[in-house]
PDB file of N, CA and C in Angstrom:
ATOM      1  N   UNK A   1       0.827  -1.184   0.000  1.00  0.00           N
ATOM      2  CA  UNK A   1       0.000   0.000   0.000  1.00  0.00           C
ATOM      3  C   UNK A   1       0.871   1.247   0.000  1.00  0.00           C
ATOM      4  N   UNK A   2       2.001   1.165   0.654  1.00  0.00           N
ATOM      5  CA  UNK A   2       2.911   2.304   0.658  1.00  0.00           C
ATOM      6  C   UNK A   2       3.408   2.605  -0.753  1.00  0.00           C
ATOM      7  N   UNK A   3       3.708   1.563  -1.513  1.00  0.00           N
ATOM      8  CA  UNK A   3       4.117   1.749  -2.905  1.00  0.00           C
ATOM      9  C   UNK A   3       2.967   2.359  -3.707  1.00  0.00           C
ATOM     10  N   UNK A   4       1.752   1.875  -3.471  1.00  0.00           N
ATOM     11  CA  UNK A   4       0.588   2.381  -4.178  1.00  0.00           C
ATOM     12  C   UNK A   4       0.369   3.866  -3.915  1.00  0.00           C
ATOM     13  N   UNK A   5       0.549   4.295  -2.687  1.00  0.00           N
ATOM     14  CA  UNK A   5       0.397   5.716  -2.358  1.00  0.00           C
ATOM     15  C   UNK A   5       1.437   6.549  -3.106  1.00  0.00           C
ATOM     16  N   UNK A   6       2.641   6.020  -3.240  1.00  0.00           N
ATOM     17  CA  UNK A   6       3.673   6.770  -3.960  1.00  0.00           C
ATOM     18  C   UNK A   6       3.420   6.788  -5.462  1.00  0.00           C
ATOM     19  N   UNK A   7       2.655   5.835  -5.965  1.00  0.00           N
ATOM     20  CA  UNK A   7       2.343   5.825  -7.388  1.00  0.00           C
ATOM     21  C   UNK A   7       1.170   6.737  -7.720  1.00  0.00           C
ATOM     22  N   UNK A   8       0.182   6.824  -6.842  1.00  0.00           N
ATOM     23  CA  UNK A   8      -1.009   7.632  -7.115  1.00  0.00           C
ATOM     24  C   UNK A   8      -1.476   8.252  -5.807  1.00  0.00           C
ATOM     25  N   UNK A   9      -1.362   9.565  -5.695  1.00  0.00           N
ATOM     26  CA  UNK A   9      -1.674  10.231  -4.440  1.00  0.00           C
ATOM     27  C   UNK A   9      -3.153  10.199  -4.092  1.00  0.00           C
ATOM     28  N   UNK A  10      -4.010   9.804  -5.017  1.00  0.00           N
ATOM     29  CA  UNK A  10      -5.439   9.726  -4.728  1.00  0.00           C
ATOM     30  C   UNK A  10      -5.727   8.697  -3.633  1.00  0.00           C
ATOM     31  N   UNK A  11      -4.851   7.707  -3.491  1.00  0.00           N
ATOM     32  CA  UNK A  11      -5.050   6.671  -2.479  1.00  0.00           C
ATOM     33  C   UNK A  11      -4.766   7.168  -1.069  1.00  0.00           C
ATOM     34  N   UNK A  12      -4.339   8.400  -0.922  1.00  0.00           N
ATOM     35  CA  UNK A  12      -4.165   8.961   0.418  1.00  0.00           C
ATOM     36  C   UNK A  12      -5.482   8.994   1.182  1.00  0.00           C
ATOM     37  N   UNK A  13      -6.587   9.049   0.460  1.00  0.00           N
ATOM     38  CA  UNK A  13      -7.888   9.049   1.119  1.00  0.00           C
ATOM     39  C   UNK A  13      -8.141   7.752   1.878  1.00  0.00           C
ATOM     40  N   UNK A  14      -7.630   6.645   1.370  1.00  0.00           N
ATOM     41  CA  UNK A  14      -7.831   5.350   2.016  1.00  0.00           C
ATOM     42  C   UNK A  14      -6.745   5.035   3.033  1.00  0.00           C
ATOM     43  N   UNK A  15      -5.716   5.857   3.127  1.00  0.00           N
ATOM     44  CA  UNK A  15      -4.583   5.572   4.001  1.00  0.00           C
ATOM     45  C   UNK A  15      -4.974   5.425   5.474  1.00  0.00           C
ATOM     46  N   UNK A  16      -5.819   6.288   6.046  1.00  0.00           N
ATOM     47  CA  UNK A  16      -6.168   6.089   7.458  1.00  0.00           C
ATOM     48  C   UNK A  16      -6.871   4.751   7.717  1.00  0.00           C
ATOM     49  N   UNK A  17      -7.756   4.354   6.817  1.00  0.00           N
ATOM     50  CA  UNK A  17      -8.436   3.074   6.999  1.00  0.00           C
ATOM     51  C   UNK A  17      -7.466   1.909   6.879  1.00  0.00           C
ATOM     52  N   UNK A  18      -6.562   1.990   5.926  1.00  0.00           N
ATOM     53  CA  UNK A  18      -5.589   0.918   5.742  1.00  0.00           C
ATOM     54  C   UNK A  18      -4.604   0.890   6.908  1.00  0.00           C
ATOM     55  N   UNK A  19      -4.285   2.045   7.471  1.00  0.00           N
ATOM     56  CA  UNK A  19      -3.417   2.090   8.639  1.00  0.00           C
ATOM     57  C   UNK A  19      -4.048   1.342   9.807  1.00  0.00           C
ATOM     58  N   UNK A  20      -5.321   1.569  10.049  1.00  0.00           N
ATOM     59  CA  UNK A  20      -6.020   0.849  11.118  1.00  0.00           C
ATOM     60  C   UNK A  20      -6.001  -0.649  10.845  1.00  0.00           C
ATOM     61  N   UNK A  21      -6.252  -1.036   9.601  1.00  0.00           N
ATOM     62  CA  UNK A  21      -6.220  -2.456   9.244  1.00  0.00           C
ATOM     63  C   UNK A  21      -4.829  -3.048   9.487  1.00  0.00           C
ATOM     64  N   UNK A  22      -3.781  -2.356   9.040  1.00  0.00           N
ATOM     65  CA  UNK A  22      -2.427  -2.867   9.237  1.00  0.00           C
ATOM     66  C   UNK A  22      -2.067  -2.956  10.709  1.00  0.00           C
ATOM     67  N   UNK A  23      -2.446  -1.966  11.478  1.00  0.00           N
ATOM     68  CA  UNK A  23      -2.147  -2.011  12.907  1.00  0.00           C
ATOM     69  C   UNK A  23      -2.839  -3.196  13.580  1.00  0.00           C
ATOM     70  N   UNK A  24      -4.106  -3.428  13.242  1.00  0.00           N
ATOM     71  CA  UNK A  24      -4.823  -4.550  13.854  1.00  0.00           C
ATOM     72  C   UNK A  24      -4.285  -5.885  13.379  1.00  0.00           C
ATOM     73  N   UNK A  25      -3.987  -5.997  12.078  1.00  0.00           N
ATOM     74  CA  UNK A  25      -3.573  -7.290  11.523  1.00  0.00           C
ATOM     75  C   UNK A  25      -2.115  -7.618  11.830  1.00  0.00           C
ATOM     76  N   UNK A  26      -1.247  -6.619  11.866  1.00  0.00           N
ATOM     77  CA  UNK A  26       0.179  -6.903  11.986  1.00  0.00           C
ATOM     78  C   UNK A  26       0.756  -6.599  13.364  1.00  0.00           C
ATOM     79  N   UNK A  27       0.162  -5.696  14.104  1.00  0.00           N
ATOM     80  CA  UNK A  27       0.793  -5.245  15.342  1.00  0.00           C
ATOM     81  C   UNK A  27       0.124  -5.767  16.608  1.00  0.00           C
ATOM     82  N   UNK A  28      -0.986  -6.451  16.480  1.00  0.00           N
ATOM     83  CA  UNK A  28      -1.656  -7.036  17.634  1.00  0.00           C
ATOM     84  C   UNK A  28      -1.754  -8.539  17.434  1.00  0.00           C
ATOM     85  N   UNK A  29      -1.607  -9.286  18.522  1.00  0.00           N
ATOM     86  CA  UNK A  29      -1.628 -10.743  18.411  1.00  0.00           C
ATOM     87  C   UNK A  29      -3.053 -11.249  18.284  1.00  0.00           C
ATOM     88  N   UNK A  30      -3.165 -12.427  17.685  1.00  0.00           N
ATOM     89  CA  UNK A  30      -4.464 -13.084  17.577  1.00  0.00           C
ATOM     90  C   UNK A  30      -4.579 -14.233  18.572  1.00  0.00           C
ATOM     91  N   UNK A  31      -3.648 -14.307  19.507  1.00  0.00           N
ATOM     92  CA  UNK A  31      -3.689 -15.352  20.518  1.00  0.00           C
ATOM     93  C   UNK A  31      -2.628 -16.409  20.326  1.00  0.00           C
ATOM     94  N   UNK A  32      -1.986 -16.462  19.178  1.00  0.00           N
ATOM     95  CA  UNK A  32      -0.980 -17.485  18.922  1.00  0.00           C
ATOM     96  C   UNK A  32       0.366 -17.193  19.570  1.00  0.00           C
ATOM     97  N   UNK A  33       0.746 -15.938  19.680  1.00  0.00           N
ATOM     98  CA  UNK A  33       2.066 -15.577  20.202  1.00  0.00           C
ATOM     99  C   UNK A  33       2.004 -14.954  21.589  1.00  0.00           C
ATOM    100  N   UNK A  34       0.879 -14.913  22.185  1.00  0.00           N
ATOM    101  CA  UNK A  34       0.735 -14.302  23.496  1.00  0.00           C
ATOM    102  C   UNK A  34      -0.735 -14.056  23.757  1.00  0.00           C
ATOM    103  N   UNK A  35      -1.025 -13.222  24.746  1.00  0.00           N
ATOM    104  CA  UNK A  35      -2.433 -12.944  25.021  1.00  0.00           C
ATOM    105  C   UNK A  35      -3.108 -12.271  23.829  1.00  0.00           C
ATOM    106  N   UNK A  36      -4.338 -12.655  23.585  1.00  0.00           N
ATOM    107  CA  UNK A  36      -5.082 -12.105  22.447  1.00  0.00           C
ATOM    108  C   UNK A  36      -5.211 -10.592  22.602  1.00  0.00           C
ATOM    109  N   UNK A  37      -4.871  -9.871  21.524  1.00  0.00           N
ATOM    110  CA  UNK A  37      -5.000  -8.421  21.517  1.00  0.00           C
ATOM    111  C   UNK A  37      -3.810  -7.684  22.107  1.00  0.00           C
ATOM    112  N   UNK A  38      -2.714  -8.388  22.407  1.00  0.00           N
ATOM    113  CA  UNK A  38      -1.536  -7.721  22.966  1.00  0.00           C
ATOM    114  C   UNK A  38      -0.767  -7.002  21.855  1.00  0.00           C
ATOM    115  N   UNK A  39      -0.299  -5.806  22.172  1.00  0.00           N
ATOM    116  CA  UNK A  39       0.461  -5.011  21.211  1.00  0.00           C
ATOM    117  C   UNK A  39       1.869  -5.577  21.093  1.00  0.00           C
ATOM    118  N   UNK A  40       2.368  -5.677  19.848  1.00  0.00           N
ATOM    119  CA  UNK A  40       3.702  -6.224  19.603  1.00  0.00           C
ATOM    120  C   UNK A  40       4.596  -5.091  19.067  1.00  0.00           C
ATOM    121  N   UNK A  41       5.425  -4.484  19.910  1.00  0.00           N
ATOM    122  CA  UNK A  41       6.255  -3.364  19.454  1.00  0.00           C
ATOM    123  C   UNK A  41       7.238  -3.754  18.356  1.00  0.00           C
ATOM    124  N   UNK A  42       7.721  -4.986  18.363  1.00  0.00           N
ATOM    125  CA  UNK A  42       8.650  -5.419  17.316  1.00  0.00           C
ATOM    126  C   UNK A  42       8.006  -5.405  15.943  1.00  0.00           C
ATOM    127  N   UNK A  43       6.780  -5.890  15.871  1.00  0.00           N
ATOM    128  CA  UNK A  43       6.048  -5.872  14.592  1.00  0.00           C
ATOM    129  C   UNK A  43       5.743  -4.446  14.162  1.00  0.00           C
ATOM    130  N   UNK A  44       5.427  -3.582  15.127  1.00  0.00           N
ATOM    131  CA  UNK A  44       5.147  -2.181  14.813  1.00  0.00           C
ATOM    132  C   UNK A  44       6.395  -1.520  14.222  1.00  0.00           C
ATOM    133  N   UNK A  45       7.551  -1.782  14.810  1.00  0.00           N
ATOM    134  CA  UNK A  45       8.800  -1.219  14.283  1.00  0.00           C
ATOM    135  C   UNK A  45       9.111  -1.777  12.901  1.00  0.00           C
ATOM    136  N   UNK A  46       8.843  -3.075  12.681  1.00  0.00           N
ATOM    137  CA  UNK A  46       9.075  -3.662  11.357  1.00  0.00           C
ATOM    138  C   UNK A  46       8.153  -3.033  10.313  1.00  0.00           C
ATOM    139  N   UNK A  47       6.885  -2.825  10.669  1.00  0.00           N
ATOM    140  CA  UNK A  47       5.947  -2.177   9.757  1.00  0.00           C
ATOM    141  C   UNK A  47       6.385  -0.752   9.451  1.00  0.00           C
ATOM    142  N   UNK A  48       6.816  -0.029  10.473  1.00  0.00           N
ATOM    143  CA  UNK A  48       7.312   1.333  10.267  1.00  0.00           C
ATOM    144  C   UNK A  48       8.553   1.359   9.396  1.00  0.00           C
ATOM    145  N   UNK A  49       9.429   0.364   9.571  1.00  0.00           N
ATOM    146  CA  UNK A  49      10.646   0.304   8.756  1.00  0.00           C
ATOM    147  C   UNK A  49      10.315   0.068   7.287  1.00  0.00           C
ATOM    148  N   UNK A  50       9.303  -0.752   7.027  1.00  0.00           N
ATOM    149  CA  UNK A  50       8.895  -0.994   5.640  1.00  0.00           C
ATOM    150  C   UNK A  50       8.367   0.292   5.014  1.00  0.00           C
ATOM    151  N   UNK A  51       7.520   1.003   5.741  1.00  0.00           N
ATOM    152  CA  UNK A  51       6.945   2.245   5.212  1.00  0.00           C
ATOM    153  C   UNK A  51       8.035   3.297   4.991  1.00  0.00           C
ATOM    154  N   UNK A  52       8.928   3.451   5.955  1.00  0.00           N
ATOM    155  CA  UNK A  52      10.011   4.430   5.818  1.00  0.00           C
ATOM    156  C   UNK A  52      10.959   4.012   4.695  1.00  0.00           C
ATOM    157  N   UNK A  53      11.235   2.718   4.567  1.00  0.00           N
ATOM    158  CA  UNK A  53      12.118   2.244   3.506  1.00  0.00           C
ATOM    159  C   UNK A  53      11.561   2.493   2.120  1.00  0.00           C
ATOM    160  N   UNK A  54      10.282   2.181   1.937  1.00  0.00           N
ATOM    161  CA  UNK A  54       9.643   2.424   0.639  1.00  0.00           C
ATOM    162  C   UNK A  54       9.629   3.910   0.329  1.00  0.00           C
ATOM    163  N   UNK A  55       9.333   4.722   1.343  1.00  0.00           N
ATOM    164  CA  UNK A  55       9.322   6.173   1.131  1.00  0.00           C
ATOM    165  C   UNK A  55      10.714   6.692   0.789  1.00  0.00           C
ATOM    166  N   UNK A  56      11.727   6.158   1.442  1.00  0.00           N
ATOM    167  CA  UNK A  56      13.097   6.605   1.158  1.00  0.00           C
ATOM    168  C   UNK A  56      13.521   6.212  -0.248  1.00  0.00           C
ATOM    169  N   UNK A  57      13.161   4.996  -0.667  1.00  0.00           N
ATOM    170  CA  UNK A  57      13.514   4.563  -2.018  1.00  0.00           C
ATOM    171  C   UNK A  57      12.770   5.394  -3.062  1.00  0.00           C
ATOM    172  N   UNK A  58      11.505   5.676  -2.786  1.00  0.00           N
ATOM    173  CA  UNK A  58      10.686   6.397  -3.751  1.00  0.00           C
ATOM    174  C   UNK A  58      11.035   7.883  -3.826  1.00  0.00           C
ATOM    175  N   UNK A  59      11.223   8.510  -2.680  1.00  0.00           N
ATOM    176  CA  UNK A  59      11.418   9.960  -2.649  1.00  0.00           C
ATOM    177  C   UNK A  59      12.878  10.377  -2.489  1.00  0.00           C
ATOM    178  N   UNK A  60      13.766   9.422  -2.201  1.00  0.00           N
ATOM    179  CA  UNK A  60      15.171   9.739  -1.982  1.00  0.00           C
ATOM    180  C   UNK A  60      15.839  10.470  -3.130  1.00  0.00           C
ATOM    181  N   UNK A  61      15.693  10.006  -4.369  1.00  0.00           N
ATOM    182  CA  UNK A  61      16.328  10.730  -5.479  1.00  0.00           C
ATOM    183  C   UNK A  61      15.841  12.172  -5.618  1.00  0.00           C
ATOM    184  N   UNK A  62      14.567  12.400  -5.338  1.00  0.00           N
ATOM    185  CA  UNK A  62      14.040  13.765  -5.427  1.00  0.00           C
ATOM    186  C   UNK A  62      14.561  14.629  -4.287  1.00  0.00           C
ATOM    187  N   UNK A  63      14.708  14.030  -3.108  1.00  0.00           N
ATOM    188  CA  UNK A  63      15.257  14.773  -1.972  1.00  0.00           C
ATOM    189  C   UNK A  63      16.719  15.121  -2.222  1.00  0.00           C
ATOM    190  N   UNK A  64      17.437  14.237  -2.907  1.00  0.00           N
ATOM    191  CA  UNK A  64      18.860  14.474  -3.166  1.00  0.00           C
ATOM    192  C   UNK A  64      19.096  15.697  -4.049  1.00  0.00           C
ATOM    193  N   UNK A  65      18.160  15.968  -4.955  1.00  0.00           N
ATOM    194  CA  UNK A  65      18.329  17.128  -5.837  1.00  0.00           C
ATOM    195  C   UNK A  65      17.485  18.319  -5.397  1.00  0.00           C
ATOM    196  N   UNK A  66      16.817  18.195  -4.230  1.00  0.00           N
ATOM    197  CA  UNK A  66      16.040  19.308  -3.696  1.00  0.00           C
ATOM    198  C   UNK A  66      14.717  19.552  -4.391  1.00  0.00           C
ATOM    199  N   UNK A  67      14.113  18.504  -4.938  1.00  0.00           N
ATOM    200  CA  UNK A  67      12.876  18.664  -5.697  1.00  0.00           C
ATOM    201  C   UNK A  67      11.616  18.302  -4.911  1.00  0.00           C
ATOM    202  N   UNK A  68      11.720  18.017  -3.616  1.00  0.00           N
ATOM    203  CA  UNK A  68      10.529  17.644  -2.846  1.00  0.00           C
ATOM    204  C   UNK A  68       9.474  18.758  -2.786  1.00  0.00           C
ATOM    205  N   UNK A  69       9.854  20.028  -2.631  1.00  0.00           N
ATOM    206  CA  UNK A  69       8.816  21.070  -2.665  1.00  0.00           C
ATOM    207  C   UNK A  69       8.076  21.127  -4.006  1.00  0.00           C
ATOM    208  N   UNK A  70       8.781  20.893  -5.095  1.00  0.00           N
ATOM    209  CA  UNK A  70       8.131  20.887  -6.409  1.00  0.00           C
ATOM    210  C   UNK A  70       7.140  19.734  -6.519  1.00  0.00           C
ATOM    211  N   UNK A  71       7.492  18.583  -5.975  1.00  0.00           N
ATOM    212  CA  UNK A  71       6.587  17.432  -6.007  1.00  0.00           C
ATOM    213  C   UNK A  71       5.345  17.721  -5.174  1.00  0.00           C
ATOM    214  N   UNK A  72       5.528  18.330  -4.009  1.00  0.00           N
ATOM    215  CA  UNK A  72       4.378  18.654  -3.162  1.00  0.00           C
ATOM    216  C   UNK A  72       3.423  19.617  -3.865  1.00  0.00           C
ATOM    217  N   UNK A  73       3.964  20.591  -4.571  1.00  0.00           N
ATOM    218  CA  UNK A  73       3.120  21.543  -5.298  1.00  0.00           C
ATOM    219  C   UNK A  73       2.356  20.847  -6.421  1.00  0.00           C
ATOM    220  N   UNK A  74       3.010  19.901  -7.108  1.00  0.00           N
ATOM    221  CA  UNK A  74       2.344  19.180  -8.201  1.00  0.00           C
ATOM    222  C   UNK A  74       1.289  18.202  -7.688  1.00  0.00           C
ATOM    223  N   UNK A  75       1.553  17.561  -6.548  1.00  0.00           N
ATOM    224  CA  UNK A  75       0.597  16.583  -6.017  1.00  0.00           C
ATOM    225  C   UNK A  75      -0.619  17.246  -5.387  1.00  0.00           C
ATOM    226  N   UNK A  76      -0.427  18.377  -4.754  1.00  0.00           N
ATOM    227  CA  UNK A  76      -1.517  19.053  -4.059  1.00  0.00           C
ATOM    228  C   UNK A  76      -1.662  20.468  -4.606  1.00  0.00           C
ATOM    229  N   UNK A  77      -2.272  20.607  -5.775  1.00  0.00           N
ATOM    230  CA  UNK A  77      -2.330  21.910  -6.459  1.00  0.00           C
ATOM    231  C   UNK A  77      -3.459  22.793  -5.952  1.00  0.00           C
ATOM    232  N   UNK A  78      -3.316  23.318  -4.758  1.00  0.00           N
ATOM    233  CA  UNK A  78      -4.370  24.171  -4.219  1.00  0.00           C
ATOM    234  C   UNK A  78      -4.332  25.565  -4.822  1.00  0.00           C
ATOM    235  N   UNK A  79      -3.281  25.909  -5.500  1.00  0.00           N
ATOM    236  CA  UNK A  79      -3.132  27.254  -6.043  1.00  0.00           C
ATOM    237  C   UNK A  79      -3.687  27.413  -7.431  1.00  0.00           C
ATOM    238  N   UNK A  80      -2.863  27.181  -8.455  1.00  0.00           N
ATOM    239  CA  UNK A  80      -3.221  27.562  -9.811  1.00  0.00           C
ATOM    240  C   UNK A  80      -4.113  26.568 -10.555  1.00  0.00           C
ATOM    241  N   UNK A  81      -3.903  25.254 -10.417  1.00  0.00           N
ATOM    242  CA  UNK A  81      -4.641  24.296 -11.248  1.00  0.00           C
ATOM    243  C   UNK A  81      -5.975  23.867 -10.658  1.00  0.00           C
ATOM    244  N   UNK A  82      -6.067  23.793  -9.375  1.00  0.00           N
ATOM    245  CA  UNK A  82      -7.258  23.230  -8.768  1.00  0.00           C
ATOM    246  C   UNK A  82      -7.107  21.723  -8.665  1.00  0.00           C
ATOM    247  N   UNK A  83      -7.910  21.101  -7.848  1.00  0.00           N
ATOM    248  CA  UNK A  83      -7.758  19.679  -7.581  1.00  0.00           C
ATOM    249  C   UNK A  83      -8.359  18.786  -8.655  1.00  0.00           C
ATOM    250  N   UNK A  84      -9.239  19.309  -9.496  1.00  0.00           N
ATOM    251  CA  UNK A  84      -9.912  18.433 -10.456  1.00  0.00           C
ATOM    252  C   UNK A  84      -9.319  18.493 -11.850  1.00  0.00           C
ATOM    253  N   UNK A  85      -8.217  19.177 -12.036  1.00  0.00           N
ATOM    254  CA  UNK A  85      -7.586  19.262 -13.357  1.00  0.00           C
ATOM    255  C   UNK A  85      -8.647  19.606 -14.402  1.00  0.00           C
ATOM    256  N   UNK A  86      -9.144  20.800 -14.363  1.00  0.00           N
ATOM    257  CA  UNK A  86     -10.366  21.219 -15.044  1.00  0.00           C
ATOM    258  C   UNK A  86     -10.427  20.922 -16.535  1.00  0.00           C
ATOM    259  N   UNK A  87      -9.334  20.615 -17.172  1.00  0.00           N
ATOM    260  CA  UNK A  87      -9.393  20.375 -18.614  1.00  0.00           C
ATOM    261  C   UNK A  87      -9.807  18.960 -18.971  1.00  0.00           C
ATOM    262  N   UNK A  88      -9.278  17.952 -18.291  1.00  0.00           N
ATOM    263  CA  UNK A  88      -9.551  16.579 -18.714  1.00  0.00           C
ATOM    264  C   UNK A  88     -10.408  15.788 -17.737  1.00  0.00           C
ATOM    265  N   UNK A  89     -10.375  16.094 -16.453  1.00  0.00           N
ATOM    266  CA  UNK A  89     -11.091  15.272 -15.470  1.00  0.00           C
ATOM    267  C   UNK A  89     -12.602  15.240 -15.693  1.00  0.00           C
ATOM    268  N   UNK A  90     -13.266  16.373 -15.967  1.00  0.00           N
ATOM    269  CA  UNK A  90     -14.713  16.285 -16.183  1.00  0.00           C
ATOM    270  C   UNK A  90     -15.071  15.433 -17.402  1.00  0.00           C
ATOM    271  N   UNK A  91     -14.266  15.489 -18.438  1.00  0.00           N
ATOM    272  CA  UNK A  91     -14.555  14.686 -19.626  1.00  0.00           C
ATOM    273  C   UNK A  91     -14.402  13.205 -19.337  1.00  0.00           C
ATOM    274  N   UNK A  92     -13.353  12.834 -18.611  1.00  0.00           N
ATOM    275  CA  UNK A  92     -13.160  11.428 -18.253  1.00  0.00           C
ATOM    276  C   UNK A  92     -14.291  10.966 -17.349  1.00  0.00           C
ATOM    277  N   UNK A  93     -14.695  11.803 -16.398  1.00  0.00           N
ATOM    278  CA  UNK A  93     -15.787  11.446 -15.498  1.00  0.00           C
ATOM    279  C   UNK A  93     -17.088  11.262 -16.283  1.00  0.00           C
ATOM    280  N   UNK A  94     -17.354  12.115 -17.247  1.00  0.00           N
ATOM    281  CA  UNK A  94     -18.562  11.987 -18.059  1.00  0.00           C
ATOM    282  C   UNK A  94     -18.529  10.696 -18.876  1.00  0.00           C
ATOM    283  N   UNK A  95     -17.390  10.344 -19.448  1.00  0.00           N
ATOM    284  CA  UNK A  95     -17.274   9.089 -20.198  1.00  0.00           C
ATOM    285  C   UNK A  95     -17.463   7.879 -19.277  1.00  0.00           C
ATOM    286  N   UNK A  96     -16.892   7.943 -18.087  1.00  0.00           N
ATOM    287  CA  UNK A  96     -17.062   6.853 -17.121  1.00  0.00           C
ATOM    288  C   UNK A  96     -18.538   6.683 -16.763  1.00  0.00           C
ATOM    289  N   UNK A  97     -19.229   7.771 -16.479  1.00  0.00           N
ATOM    290  CA  UNK A  97     -20.653   7.685 -16.129  1.00  0.00           C
ATOM    291  C   UNK A  97     -21.473   7.146 -17.291  1.00  0.00           C
ATOM    292  N   UNK A  98     -21.156   7.549 -18.509  1.00  0.00           N
ATOM    293  CA  UNK A  98     -21.875   7.033 -19.671  1.00  0.00           C
ATOM    294  C   UNK A  98     -21.677   5.528 -19.802  1.00  0.00           C
ATOM    295  N   UNK A  99     -20.451   5.060 -19.672  1.00  0.00           N
ATOM    296  CA  UNK A  99     -20.184   3.616 -19.771  1.00  0.00           C
ATOM    297  C   UNK A  99     -20.873   2.848 -18.659  1.00  0.00           C
ATOM    298  N   UNK A 100     -20.902   3.415 -17.453  1.00  0.00           N
ATOM    299  CA  UNK A 100     -21.579   2.759 -16.341  1.00  0.00           C
ATOM    300  C   UNK A 100     -23.076   2.644 -16.602  1.00  0.00           C
ATOM    301  N   UNK A 101     -23.696   3.714 -17.076  1.00  0.00           N
ATOM    302  CA  UNK A 101     -25.131   3.682 -17.379  1.00  0.00           C
ATOM    303  C   UNK A 101     -25.425   2.716 -18.527  1.00  0.00           C
ATOM    304  N   UNK A 102     -24.563   2.703 -19.534  1.00  0.00           N
ATOM    305  CA  UNK A 102     -24.754   1.773 -20.647  1.00  0.00           C
ATOM    306  C   UNK A 102     -24.628   0.332 -20.176  1.00  0.00           C
ATOM    307  N   UNK A 103     -23.715   0.055 -19.261  1.00  0.00           N
ATOM    308  CA  UNK A 103     -23.567  -1.300 -18.738  1.00  0.00           C
ATOM    309  C   UNK A 103     -24.792  -1.725 -17.943  1.00  0.00           C
ATOM    310  N   UNK A 104     -25.369  -0.804 -17.177  1.00  0.00           N
ATOM    311  CA  UNK A 104     -26.581  -1.123 -16.411  1.00  0.00           C
ATOM    312  C   UNK A 104     -27.742  -1.413 -17.357  1.00  0.00           C
ATOM    313  N   UNK A 105     -27.910  -0.592 -18.367  1.00  0.00           N
ATOM    314  CA  UNK A 105     -28.989  -0.807 -19.345  1.00  0.00           C
ATOM    315  C   UNK A 105     -28.775  -2.130 -20.072  1.00  0.00           C
ATOM    316  N   UNK A 106     -27.524  -2.412 -20.453  1.00  0.00           N
ATOM    317  CA  UNK A 106     -27.222  -3.665 -21.135  1.00  0.00           C
ATOM    318  C   UNK A 106     -27.482  -4.869 -20.250  1.00  0.00           C
ATOM    319  N   UNK A 107     -27.129  -4.790 -18.987  1.00  0.00           N
ATOM    320  CA  UNK A 107     -27.372  -5.905 -18.068  1.00  0.00           C
ATOM    321  C   UNK A 107     -28.865  -6.136 -17.870  1.00  0.00           C
ATOM    322  N   UNK A 108     -29.622  -5.059 -17.770  1.00  0.00           N
ATOM    323  CA  UNK A 108     -31.086  -5.216 -17.626  1.00  0.00           C
ATOM    324  C   UNK A 108     -31.686  -5.854 -18.875  1.00  0.00           C
ATOM    325  N   UNK A 109     -31.186  -5.463 -20.051  1.00  0.00           N
ATOM    326  CA  UNK A 109     -31.703  -6.045 -21.290  1.00  0.00           C
ATOM    327  C   UNK A 109     -31.364  -7.533 -21.378  1.00  0.00           C
ATOM    328  N   UNK A 110     -30.149  -7.893 -20.987  1.00  0.00           N
ATOM    329  CA  UNK A 110     -29.767  -9.305 -21.007  1.00  0.00           C
ATOM    330  C   UNK A 110     -30.573 -10.121 -20.002  1.00  0.00           C
ATOM    331  N   UNK A 111     -30.844  -9.540 -18.849  1.00  0.00           N
ATOM    332  CA  UNK A 111     -31.639 -10.237 -17.844  1.00  0.00           C
ATOM    333  C   UNK A 111     -33.077 -10.401 -18.332  1.00  0.00           C
ATOM    334  N   UNK A 112     -33.625  -9.358 -18.969  1.00  0.00           N
ATOM    335  CA  UNK A 112     -34.994  -9.431 -19.488  1.00  0.00           C
ATOM    336  C   UNK A 112     -35.100 -10.462 -20.602  1.00  0.00           C
ATOM    337  N   UNK A 113     -34.030 -10.642 -21.385  1.00  0.00           N
ATOM    338  CA  UNK A 113     -34.048 -11.616 -22.477  1.00  0.00           C
ATOM    339  C   UNK A 113     -33.784 -13.028 -21.976  1.00  0.00           C
ATOM    340  N   UNK A 114     -33.481 -13.164 -20.685  1.00  0.00           N
ATOM    341  CA  UNK A 114     -33.230 -14.484 -20.118  1.00  0.00           C
ATOM    342  C   UNK A 114     -31.822 -14.996 -20.349  1.00  0.00           C
ATOM    343  N   UNK A 115     -30.932 -14.155 -20.826  1.00  0.00           N
ATOM    344  CA  UNK A 115     -29.549 -14.578 -21.088  1.00  0.00           C
ATOM    345  C   UNK A 115     -28.673 -14.521 -19.843  1.00  0.00           C
ATOM    346  N   UNK A 116     -29.077 -13.715 -18.868  1.00  0.00           N
ATOM    347  CA  UNK A 116     -28.331 -13.606 -17.622  1.00  0.00           C
ATOM    348  C   UNK A 116     -29.305 -13.839 -16.478  1.00  0.00           C
ATOM    349  N   UNK A 117     -28.933 -14.715 -15.571  1.00  0.00           N
ATOM    350  CA  UNK A 117     -29.797 -15.002 -14.423  1.00  0.00           C
ATOM    351  C   UNK A 117     -29.576 -13.960 -13.346  1.00  0.00           C
ATOM    352  N   UNK A 118     -30.607 -13.741 -12.543  1.00  0.00           N
ATOM    353  CA  UNK A 118     -30.490 -12.837 -11.421  1.00  0.00           C
ATOM    354  C   UNK A 118     -29.673 -13.505 -10.335  1.00  0.00           C
ATOM    355  N   UNK A 119     -28.664 -12.793  -9.819  1.00  0.00           N
ATOM    356  CA  UNK A 119     -27.767 -13.367  -8.820  1.00  0.00           C
ATOM    357  C   UNK A 119     -28.401 -13.534  -7.463  1.00  0.00           C
ATOM    358  N   UNK A 120     -29.491 -12.850  -7.188  1.00  0.00           N
ATOM    359  CA  UNK A 120     -30.153 -12.980  -5.909  1.00  0.00           C
ATOM    360  C   UNK A 120     -29.473 -12.225  -4.780  1.00  0.00           C
ATOM    361  N   UNK A 121     -28.678 -11.253  -5.097  1.00  0.00           N
ATOM    362  CA  UNK A 121     -28.003 -10.482  -4.064  1.00  0.00           C
ATOM    363  C   UNK A 121     -28.506  -9.117  -4.135  1.00  0.00           C
TER     364      UNK A 121
END
């Protein structure tokens, strides 16, 4: 997930939820290594080392040449561009919505023709 965040900053929205999941799954015992629900500082340090290591590998070359402020401005454009990239994002969103609506209409037509069974969910 740390690699994914470095590839696409949009996944920062899911980072707090994934952090809670990682802490529960990796840093607390399930009863096999000690009392159930006990915090394991060694696992927490290992998880932190992985996150810091991935971040260092990903951002290290940019830090070496002093380009981290430029990356921050490009990733979080609160100034000149706006967050939705006004030239292409609305068009892509409109195409996505059209394809989604067409898929729903197509699925209903296939179900009405008896070619697709209702999943019952």
